Amino acid sequence: MTTEELRILLFFRRFQVGPEEMLFFTPNDCKVATKVFVDAMHSLIEKDLVIKERPAQAYSLTKSGYLLSLKTPTKLPLARMKK
């Protein structure tokens, strides 16, 4: 799992989002560059950890994604600089 993917999971955890609860956010929220954010989010979706919801910028965690978010370490390497 990449640092960017973990950063997204931590964002869900910070707002105490459970399985199947929607959260609206942008790359700025996770402090991840836009392309890196999109790639990381697509990867999480492909791994069946996150679901893209109908409203723009809305995502929810699957049960597996939720459980993984609880195990994600809170200390991650520094975010990449935005381009």
PDB file of N, CA and C in Angstrom:
ATOM      1  N   MET A   1       0.855  -1.170   0.000  1.00  0.00           N
ATOM      2  CA  MET A   1       0.000   0.000   0.000  1.00  0.00           C
ATOM      3  C   MET A   1       0.904   1.237   0.000  1.00  0.00           C
ATOM      4  N   THR A   2       0.562   2.187  -0.852  1.00  0.00           N
ATOM      5  CA  THR A   2       1.386   3.393  -0.968  1.00  0.00           C
ATOM      6  C   THR A   2       1.070   4.381   0.163  1.00  0.00           C
ATOM      7  N   THR A   3       1.986   5.298   0.371  1.00  0.00           N
ATOM      8  CA  THR A   3       1.778   6.338   1.375  1.00  0.00           C
ATOM      9  C   THR A   3       0.536   7.154   1.040  1.00  0.00           C
ATOM     10  N   GLU A   4       0.324   7.425  -0.253  1.00  0.00           N
ATOM     11  CA  GLU A   4      -0.844   8.209  -0.660  1.00  0.00           C
ATOM     12  C   GLU A   4      -2.140   7.464  -0.350  1.00  0.00           C
ATOM     13  N   GLU A   5      -2.169   6.165  -0.574  1.00  0.00           N
ATOM     14  CA  GLU A   5      -3.357   5.369  -0.250  1.00  0.00           C
ATOM     15  C   GLU A   5      -3.611   5.393   1.258  1.00  0.00           C
ATOM     16  N   LEU A   6      -2.555   5.248   2.036  1.00  0.00           N
ATOM     17  CA  LEU A   6      -2.696   5.286   3.493  1.00  0.00           C
ATOM     18  C   LEU A   6      -3.185   6.650   3.956  1.00  0.00           C
ATOM     19  N   ARG A   7      -2.696   7.710   3.317  1.00  0.00           N
ATOM     20  CA  ARG A   7      -3.113   9.061   3.667  1.00  0.00           C
ATOM     21  C   ARG A   7      -4.627   9.240   3.434  1.00  0.00           C
ATOM     22  N   ILE A   8      -5.140   8.657   2.359  1.00  0.00           N
ATOM     23  CA  ILE A   8      -6.580   8.725   2.080  1.00  0.00           C
ATOM     24  C   ILE A   8      -7.360   7.960   3.145  1.00  0.00           C
ATOM     25  N   LEU A   9      -6.885   6.777   3.509  1.00  0.00           N
ATOM     26  CA  LEU A   9      -7.562   5.996   4.549  1.00  0.00           C
ATOM     27  C   LEU A   9      -7.554   6.740   5.882  1.00  0.00           C
ATOM     28  N   LEU A  10      -6.462   7.415   6.183  1.00  0.00           N
ATOM     29  CA  LEU A  10      -6.389   8.205   7.412  1.00  0.00           C
ATOM     30  C   LEU A  10      -7.383   9.360   7.391  1.00  0.00           C
ATOM     31  N   PHE A  11      -7.620   9.906   6.221  1.00  0.00           N
ATOM     32  CA  PHE A  11      -8.594  10.992   6.099  1.00  0.00           C
ATOM     33  C   PHE A  11      -9.990  10.488   6.489  1.00  0.00           C
ATOM     34  N   PHE A  12     -10.340   9.298   6.009  1.00  0.00           N
ATOM     35  CA  PHE A  12     -11.624   8.703   6.402  1.00  0.00           C
ATOM     36  C   PHE A  12     -11.666   8.517   7.921  1.00  0.00           C
ATOM     37  N   ARG A  13     -10.575   8.003   8.485  1.00  0.00           N
ATOM     38  CA  ARG A  13     -10.532   7.737   9.921  1.00  0.00           C
ATOM     39  C   ARG A  13     -10.624   9.029  10.741  1.00  0.00           C
ATOM     40  N   ARG A  14      -9.971  10.080  10.269  1.00  0.00           N
ATOM     41  CA  ARG A  14      -9.991  11.350  11.001  1.00  0.00           C
ATOM     42  C   ARG A  14     -11.428  11.842  11.204  1.00  0.00           C
ATOM     43  N   PHE A  15     -12.282  11.596  10.219  1.00  0.00           N
ATOM     44  CA  PHE A  15     -13.675  12.032  10.316  1.00  0.00           C
ATOM     45  C   PHE A  15     -14.599  10.916  10.809  1.00  0.00           C
ATOM     46  N   GLN A  16     -14.011   9.841  11.306  1.00  0.00           N
ATOM     47  CA  GLN A  16     -14.746   8.716  11.887  1.00  0.00           C
ATOM     48  C   GLN A  16     -15.831   8.180  10.953  1.00  0.00           C
ATOM     49  N   VAL A  17     -15.455   8.023   9.691  1.00  0.00           N
ATOM     50  CA  VAL A  17     -16.377   7.518   8.681  1.00  0.00           C
ATOM     51  C   VAL A  17     -16.390   5.993   8.753  1.00  0.00           C
ATOM     52  N   GLY A  18     -17.569   5.433   8.905  1.00  0.00           N
ATOM     53  CA  GLY A  18     -17.722   3.985   8.948  1.00  0.00           C
ATOM     54  C   GLY A  18     -17.997   3.433   7.560  1.00  0.00           C
ATOM     55  N   PRO A  19     -18.183   2.114   7.474  1.00  0.00           N
ATOM     56  CA  PRO A  19     -18.492   1.508   6.183  1.00  0.00           C
ATOM     57  C   PRO A  19     -19.781   2.088   5.603  1.00  0.00           C
ATOM     58  N   GLU A  20     -19.760   2.337   4.310  1.00  0.00           N
ATOM     59  CA  GLU A  20     -20.925   2.798   3.561  1.00  0.00           C
ATOM     60  C   GLU A  20     -21.401   4.190   3.967  1.00  0.00           C
ATOM     61  N   GLU A  21     -20.557   4.987   4.621  1.00  0.00           N
ATOM     62  CA  GLU A  21     -20.874   6.381   4.908  1.00  0.00           C
ATOM     63  C   GLU A  21     -20.085   7.255   3.951  1.00  0.00           C
ATOM     64  N   MET A  22     -20.753   8.207   3.333  1.00  0.00           N
ATOM     65  CA  MET A  22     -20.092   9.056   2.333  1.00  0.00           C
ATOM     66  C   MET A  22     -19.251  10.150   2.971  1.00  0.00           C
ATOM     67  N   LEU A  23     -18.164  10.447   2.283  1.00  0.00           N
ATOM     68  CA  LEU A  23     -17.298  11.548   2.672  1.00  0.00           C
ATOM     69  C   LEU A  23     -16.921  12.294   1.402  1.00  0.00           C
ATOM     70  N   PHE A  24     -17.025  13.614   1.439  1.00  0.00           N
ATOM     71  CA  PHE A  24     -16.664  14.459   0.309  1.00  0.00           C
ATOM     72  C   PHE A  24     -15.288  15.037   0.570  1.00  0.00           C
ATOM     73  N   PHE A  25     -14.370  14.888  -0.379  1.00  0.00           N
ATOM     74  CA  PHE A  25     -13.066  15.516  -0.224  1.00  0.00           C
ATOM     75  C   PHE A  25     -12.337  15.653  -1.538  1.00  0.00           C
ATOM     76  N   THR A  26     -11.293  16.470  -1.490  1.00  0.00           N
ATOM     77  CA  THR A  26     -10.476  16.768  -2.657  1.00  0.00           C
ATOM     78  C   THR A  26      -9.024  16.396  -2.340  1.00  0.00           C
ATOM     79  N   PRO A  27      -8.169  16.394  -3.336  1.00  0.00           N
ATOM     80  CA  PRO A  27      -6.759  16.094  -3.087  1.00  0.00           C
ATOM     81  C   PRO A  27      -6.149  17.011  -2.027  1.00  0.00           C
ATOM     82  N   ASN A  28      -6.569  18.271  -1.977  1.00  0.00           N
ATOM     83  CA  ASN A  28      -6.036  19.203  -0.980  1.00  0.00           C
ATOM     84  C   ASN A  28      -6.310  18.726   0.440  1.00  0.00           C
ATOM     85  N   ASP A  29      -7.451  18.078   0.646  1.00  0.00           N
ATOM     86  CA  ASP A  29      -7.799  17.592   1.980  1.00  0.00           C
ATOM     87  C   ASP A  29      -6.778  16.586   2.491  1.00  0.00           C
ATOM     88  N   CYS A  30      -6.271  15.757   1.597  1.00  0.00           N
ATOM     89  CA  CYS A  30      -5.331  14.704   1.985  1.00  0.00           C
ATOM     90  C   CYS A  30      -3.880  15.134   1.819  1.00  0.00           C
ATOM     91  N   LYS A  31      -3.676  16.360   1.359  1.00  0.00           N
ATOM     92  CA  LYS A  31      -2.333  16.877   1.121  1.00  0.00           C
ATOM     93  C   LYS A  31      -1.557  15.973   0.145  1.00  0.00           C
ATOM     94  N   VAL A  32      -2.232  15.599  -0.910  1.00  0.00           N
ATOM     95  CA  VAL A  32      -1.659  14.758  -1.955  1.00  0.00           C
ATOM     96  C   VAL A  32      -1.858  15.484  -3.279  1.00  0.00           C
ATOM     97  N   ALA A  33      -0.837  15.498  -4.131  1.00  0.00           N
ATOM     98  CA  ALA A  33      -0.946  16.124  -5.446  1.00  0.00           C
ATOM     99  C   ALA A  33      -2.106  15.498  -6.222  1.00  0.00           C
ATOM    100  N   THR A  34      -2.759  16.282  -7.057  1.00  0.00           N
ATOM    101  CA  THR A  34      -3.983  15.840  -7.733  1.00  0.00           C
ATOM    102  C   THR A  34      -3.820  14.525  -8.476  1.00  0.00           C
ATOM    103  N   LYS A  35      -2.827  14.400  -9.355  1.00  0.00           N
ATOM    104  CA  LYS A  35      -2.669  13.159 -10.118  1.00  0.00           C
ATOM    105  C   LYS A  35      -2.364  11.986  -9.193  1.00  0.00           C
ATOM    106  N   VAL A  36      -1.546  12.227  -8.196  1.00  0.00           N
ATOM    107  CA  VAL A  36      -1.204  11.176  -7.237  1.00  0.00           C
ATOM    108  C   VAL A  36      -2.454  10.761  -6.462  1.00  0.00           C
ATOM    109  N   PHE A  37      -3.268  11.747  -6.070  1.00  0.00           N
ATOM    110  CA  PHE A  37      -4.521  11.465  -5.371  1.00  0.00           C
ATOM    111  C   PHE A  37      -5.437  10.600  -6.228  1.00  0.00           C
ATOM    112  N   VAL A  38      -5.625  10.998  -7.466  1.00  0.00           N
ATOM    113  CA  VAL A  38      -6.518  10.257  -8.372  1.00  0.00           C
ATOM    114  C   VAL A  38      -6.016   8.824  -8.553  1.00  0.00           C
ATOM    115  N   ASP A  39      -4.720   8.665  -8.768  1.00  0.00           N
ATOM    116  CA  ASP A  39      -4.153   7.324  -8.933  1.00  0.00           C
ATOM    117  C   ASP A  39      -4.341   6.481  -7.668  1.00  0.00           C
ATOM    118  N   ALA A  40      -4.091   7.097  -6.510  1.00  0.00           N
ATOM    119  CA  ALA A  40      -4.241   6.368  -5.249  1.00  0.00           C
ATOM    120  C   ALA A  40      -5.703   5.999  -5.010  1.00  0.00           C
ATOM    121  N   MET A  41      -6.613   6.916  -5.302  1.00  0.00           N
ATOM    122  CA  MET A  41      -8.036   6.628  -5.103  1.00  0.00           C
ATOM    123  C   MET A  41      -8.496   5.514  -6.040  1.00  0.00           C
ATOM    124  N   HIS A  42      -8.052   5.553  -7.299  1.00  0.00           N
ATOM    125  CA  HIS A  42      -8.405   4.479  -8.241  1.00  0.00           C
ATOM    126  C   HIS A  42      -7.875   3.138  -7.749  1.00  0.00           C
ATOM    127  N   SER A  43      -6.679   3.140  -7.210  1.00  0.00           N
ATOM    128  CA  SER A  43      -6.095   1.906  -6.684  1.00  0.00           C
ATOM    129  C   SER A  43      -6.931   1.369  -5.520  1.00  0.00           C
ATOM    130  N   LEU A  44      -7.351   2.242  -4.620  1.00  0.00           N
ATOM    131  CA  LEU A  44      -8.187   1.810  -3.497  1.00  0.00           C
ATOM    132  C   LEU A  44      -9.529   1.271  -3.977  1.00  0.00           C
ATOM    133  N   ILE A  45     -10.067   1.880  -5.018  1.00  0.00           N
ATOM    134  CA  ILE A  45     -11.328   1.398  -5.588  1.00  0.00           C
ATOM    135  C   ILE A  45     -11.122   0.019  -6.204  1.00  0.00           C
ATOM    136  N   GLU A  46     -10.039  -0.165  -6.955  1.00  0.00           N
ATOM    137  CA  GLU A  46      -9.740  -1.468  -7.573  1.00  0.00           C
ATOM    138  C   GLU A  46      -9.511  -2.555  -6.528  1.00  0.00           C
ATOM    139  N   LYS A  47      -8.991  -2.176  -5.373  1.00  0.00           N
ATOM    140  CA  LYS A  47      -8.752  -3.131  -4.282  1.00  0.00           C
ATOM    141  C   LYS A  47     -10.017  -3.388  -3.464  1.00  0.00           C
ATOM    142  N   ASP A  48     -11.126  -2.787  -3.869  1.00  0.00           N
ATOM    143  CA  ASP A  48     -12.419  -2.922  -3.190  1.00  0.00           C
ATOM    144  C   ASP A  48     -12.365  -2.427  -1.751  1.00  0.00           C
ATOM    145  N   LEU A  49     -11.638  -1.319  -1.535  1.00  0.00           N
ATOM    146  CA  LEU A  49     -11.557  -0.700  -0.215  1.00  0.00           C
ATOM    147  C   LEU A  49     -12.379   0.583  -0.152  1.00  0.00           C
ATOM    148  N   VAL A  50     -12.584   1.206  -1.317  1.00  0.00           N
ATOM    149  CA  VAL A  50     -13.328   2.462  -1.412  1.00  0.00           C
ATOM    150  C   VAL A  50     -14.330   2.353  -2.563  1.00  0.00           C
ATOM    151  N   ILE A  51     -15.460   3.015  -2.405  1.00  0.00           N
ATOM    152  CA  ILE A  51     -16.485   3.061  -3.448  1.00  0.00           C
ATOM    153  C   ILE A  51     -16.662   4.509  -3.869  1.00  0.00           C
ATOM    154  N   LYS A  52     -16.644   4.784  -5.165  1.00  0.00           N
ATOM    155  CA  LYS A  52     -16.942   6.118  -5.691  1.00  0.00           C
ATOM    156  C   LYS A  52     -18.447   6.284  -5.672  1.00  0.00           C
ATOM    157  N   GLU A  53     -18.908   7.330  -5.026  1.00  0.00           N
ATOM    158  CA  GLU A  53     -20.345   7.581  -4.919  1.00  0.00           C
ATOM    159  C   GLU A  53     -20.800   8.538  -6.015  1.00  0.00           C
ATOM    160  N   ARG A  54     -22.084   8.684  -6.173  1.00  0.00           N
ATOM    161  CA  ARG A  54     -22.676   9.481  -7.237  1.00  0.00           C
ATOM    162  C   ARG A  54     -22.343  10.965  -7.166  1.00  0.00           C
ATOM    163  N   PRO A  55     -22.486  11.665  -6.046  1.00  0.00           N
ATOM    164  CA  PRO A  55     -22.121  13.094  -6.053  1.00  0.00           C
ATOM    165  C   PRO A  55     -20.621  13.263  -6.329  1.00  0.00           C
ATOM    166  N   ALA A  56     -20.277  14.353  -6.982  1.00  0.00           N
ATOM    167  CA  ALA A  56     -18.869  14.623  -7.269  1.00  0.00           C
ATOM    168  C   ALA A  56     -18.067  14.678  -5.973  1.00  0.00           C
ATOM    169  N   GLN A  57     -16.890  14.116  -5.997  1.00  0.00           N
ATOM    170  CA  GLN A  57     -15.946  14.099  -4.880  1.00  0.00           C
ATOM    171  C   GLN A  57     -16.461  13.358  -3.651  1.00  0.00           C
ATOM    172  N   ALA A  58     -17.397  12.435  -3.837  1.00  0.00           N
ATOM    173  CA  ALA A  58     -17.929  11.649  -2.721  1.00  0.00           C
ATOM    174  C   ALA A  58     -17.435  10.211  -2.830  1.00  0.00           C
ATOM    175  N   TYR A  59     -16.979   9.693  -1.702  1.00  0.00           N
ATOM    176  CA  TYR A  59     -16.468   8.326  -1.632  1.00  0.00           C
ATOM    177  C   TYR A  59     -16.950   7.717  -0.331  1.00  0.00           C
ATOM    178  N   SER A  60     -17.004   6.388  -0.294  1.00  0.00           N
ATOM    179  CA  SER A  60     -17.308   5.691   0.950  1.00  0.00           C
ATOM    180  C   SER A  60     -16.376   4.488   1.067  1.00  0.00           C
ATOM    181  N   LEU A  61     -16.205   4.036   2.284  1.00  0.00           N
ATOM    182  CA  LEU A  61     -15.368   2.868   2.549  1.00  0.00           C
ATOM    183  C   LEU A  61     -16.205   1.603   2.492  1.00  0.00           C
ATOM    184  N   THR A  62     -15.620   0.539   1.986  1.00  0.00           N
ATOM    185  CA  THR A  62     -16.230  -0.773   2.141  1.00  0.00           C
ATOM    186  C   THR A  62     -15.914  -1.233   3.563  1.00  0.00           C
ATOM    187  N   LYS A  63     -16.483  -2.335   3.977  1.00  0.00           N
ATOM    188  CA  LYS A  63     -16.166  -2.854   5.315  1.00  0.00           C
ATOM    189  C   LYS A  63     -14.673  -3.156   5.418  1.00  0.00           C
ATOM    190  N   SER A  64     -14.092  -3.737   4.373  1.00  0.00           N
ATOM    191  CA  SER A  64     -12.653  -4.032   4.372  1.00  0.00           C
ATOM    192  C   SER A  64     -11.834  -2.751   4.455  1.00  0.00           C
ATOM    193  N   GLY A  65     -12.251  -1.727   3.717  1.00  0.00           N
ATOM    194  CA  GLY A  65     -11.562  -0.445   3.752  1.00  0.00           C
ATOM    195  C   GLY A  65     -11.636   0.193   5.126  1.00  0.00           C
ATOM    196  N   TYR A  66     -12.789   0.070   5.758  1.00  0.00           N
ATOM    197  CA  TYR A  66     -12.958   0.620   7.100  1.00  0.00           C
ATOM    198  C   TYR A  66     -12.016  -0.068   8.087  1.00  0.00           C
ATOM    199  N   LEU A  67     -11.989  -1.396   8.058  1.00  0.00           N
ATOM    200  CA  LEU A  67     -11.125  -2.138   8.981  1.00  0.00           C
ATOM    201  C   LEU A  67      -9.658  -1.788   8.744  1.00  0.00           C
ATOM    202  N   LEU A  68      -9.271  -1.643   7.488  1.00  0.00           N
ATOM    203  CA  LEU A  68      -7.894  -1.271   7.167  1.00  0.00           C
ATOM    204  C   LEU A  68      -7.595   0.153   7.637  1.00  0.00           C
ATOM    205  N   SER A  69      -8.558   1.047   7.531  1.00  0.00           N
ATOM    206  CA  SER A  69      -8.343   2.429   7.984  1.00  0.00           C
ATOM    207  C   SER A  69      -8.062   2.474   9.483  1.00  0.00           C
ATOM    208  N   LEU A  70      -8.670   1.570  10.238  1.00  0.00           N
ATOM    209  CA  LEU A  70      -8.440   1.527  11.680  1.00  0.00           C
ATOM    210  C   LEU A  70      -7.030   1.033  12.015  1.00  0.00           C
ATOM    211  N   LYS A  71      -6.437   0.259  11.105  1.00  0.00           N
ATOM    212  CA  LYS A  71      -5.096  -0.293  11.328  1.00  0.00           C
ATOM    213  C   LYS A  71      -3.990   0.585  10.753  1.00  0.00           C
ATOM    214  N   THR A  72      -4.366   1.610  10.010  1.00  0.00           N
ATOM    215  CA  THR A  72      -3.383   2.472   9.356  1.00  0.00           C
ATOM    216  C   THR A  72      -2.605   3.267  10.393  1.00  0.00           C
ATOM    217  N   PRO A  73      -1.271   3.244  10.322  1.00  0.00           N
ATOM    218  CA  PRO A  73      -0.479   4.018  11.291  1.00  0.00           C
ATOM    219  C   PRO A  73      -0.719   5.518  11.102  1.00  0.00           C
ATOM    220  N   THR A  74      -0.731   6.237  12.198  1.00  0.00           N
ATOM    221  CA  THR A  74      -0.988   7.680  12.114  1.00  0.00           C
ATOM    222  C   THR A  74       0.252   8.465  11.719  1.00  0.00           C
ATOM    223  N   LYS A  75       1.428   7.899  11.871  1.00  0.00           N
ATOM    224  CA  LYS A  75       2.672   8.565  11.468  1.00  0.00           C
ATOM    225  C   LYS A  75       3.052   8.061  10.080  1.00  0.00           C
ATOM    226  N   LEU A  76       2.940   8.948   9.090  1.00  0.00           N
ATOM    227  CA  LEU A  76       3.287   8.614   7.708  1.00  0.00           C
ATOM    228  C   LEU A  76       4.397   9.539   7.256  1.00  0.00           C
ATOM    229  N   PRO A  77       5.130   9.126   6.223  1.00  0.00           N
ATOM    230  CA  PRO A  77       6.160  10.028   5.668  1.00  0.00           C
ATOM    231  C   PRO A  77       5.538  11.345   5.218  1.00  0.00           C
ATOM    232  N   LEU A  78       6.329  12.379   5.129  1.00  0.00           N
ATOM    233  CA  LEU A  78       5.840  13.685   4.681  1.00  0.00           C
ATOM    234  C   LEU A  78       5.170  13.586   3.327  1.00  0.00           C
ATOM    235  N   ALA A  79       4.153  14.401   3.123  1.00  0.00           N
ATOM    236  CA  ALA A  79       3.433  14.437   1.838  1.00  0.00           C
ATOM    237  C   ALA A  79       4.342  14.940   0.738  1.00  0.00           C
ATOM    238  N   ARG A  80       4.072  14.518  -0.465  1.00  0.00           N
ATOM    239  CA  ARG A  80       4.809  15.018  -1.624  1.00  0.00           C
ATOM    240  C   ARG A  80       4.450  16.466  -1.868  1.00  0.00           C
ATOM    241  N   MET A  81       5.370  17.175  -2.437  1.00  0.00           N
ATOM    242  CA  MET A  81       5.105  18.576  -2.801  1.00  0.00           C
ATOM    243  C   MET A  81       4.133  18.604  -3.971  1.00  0.00           C
ATOM    244  N   LYS A  82       3.202  19.515  -3.947  1.00  0.00           N
ATOM    245  CA  LYS A  82       2.252  19.658  -5.068  1.00  0.00           C
ATOM    246  C   LYS A  82       2.942  20.286  -6.248  1.00  0.00           C
ATOM    247  N   LYS A  83       2.545  19.863  -7.427  1.00  0.00           N
ATOM    248  CA  LYS A  83       3.131  20.372  -8.664  1.00  0.00           C
ATOM    249  C   LYS A  83       2.291  21.487  -9.213  1.00  0.00           C
TER     250      LYS A  83
END
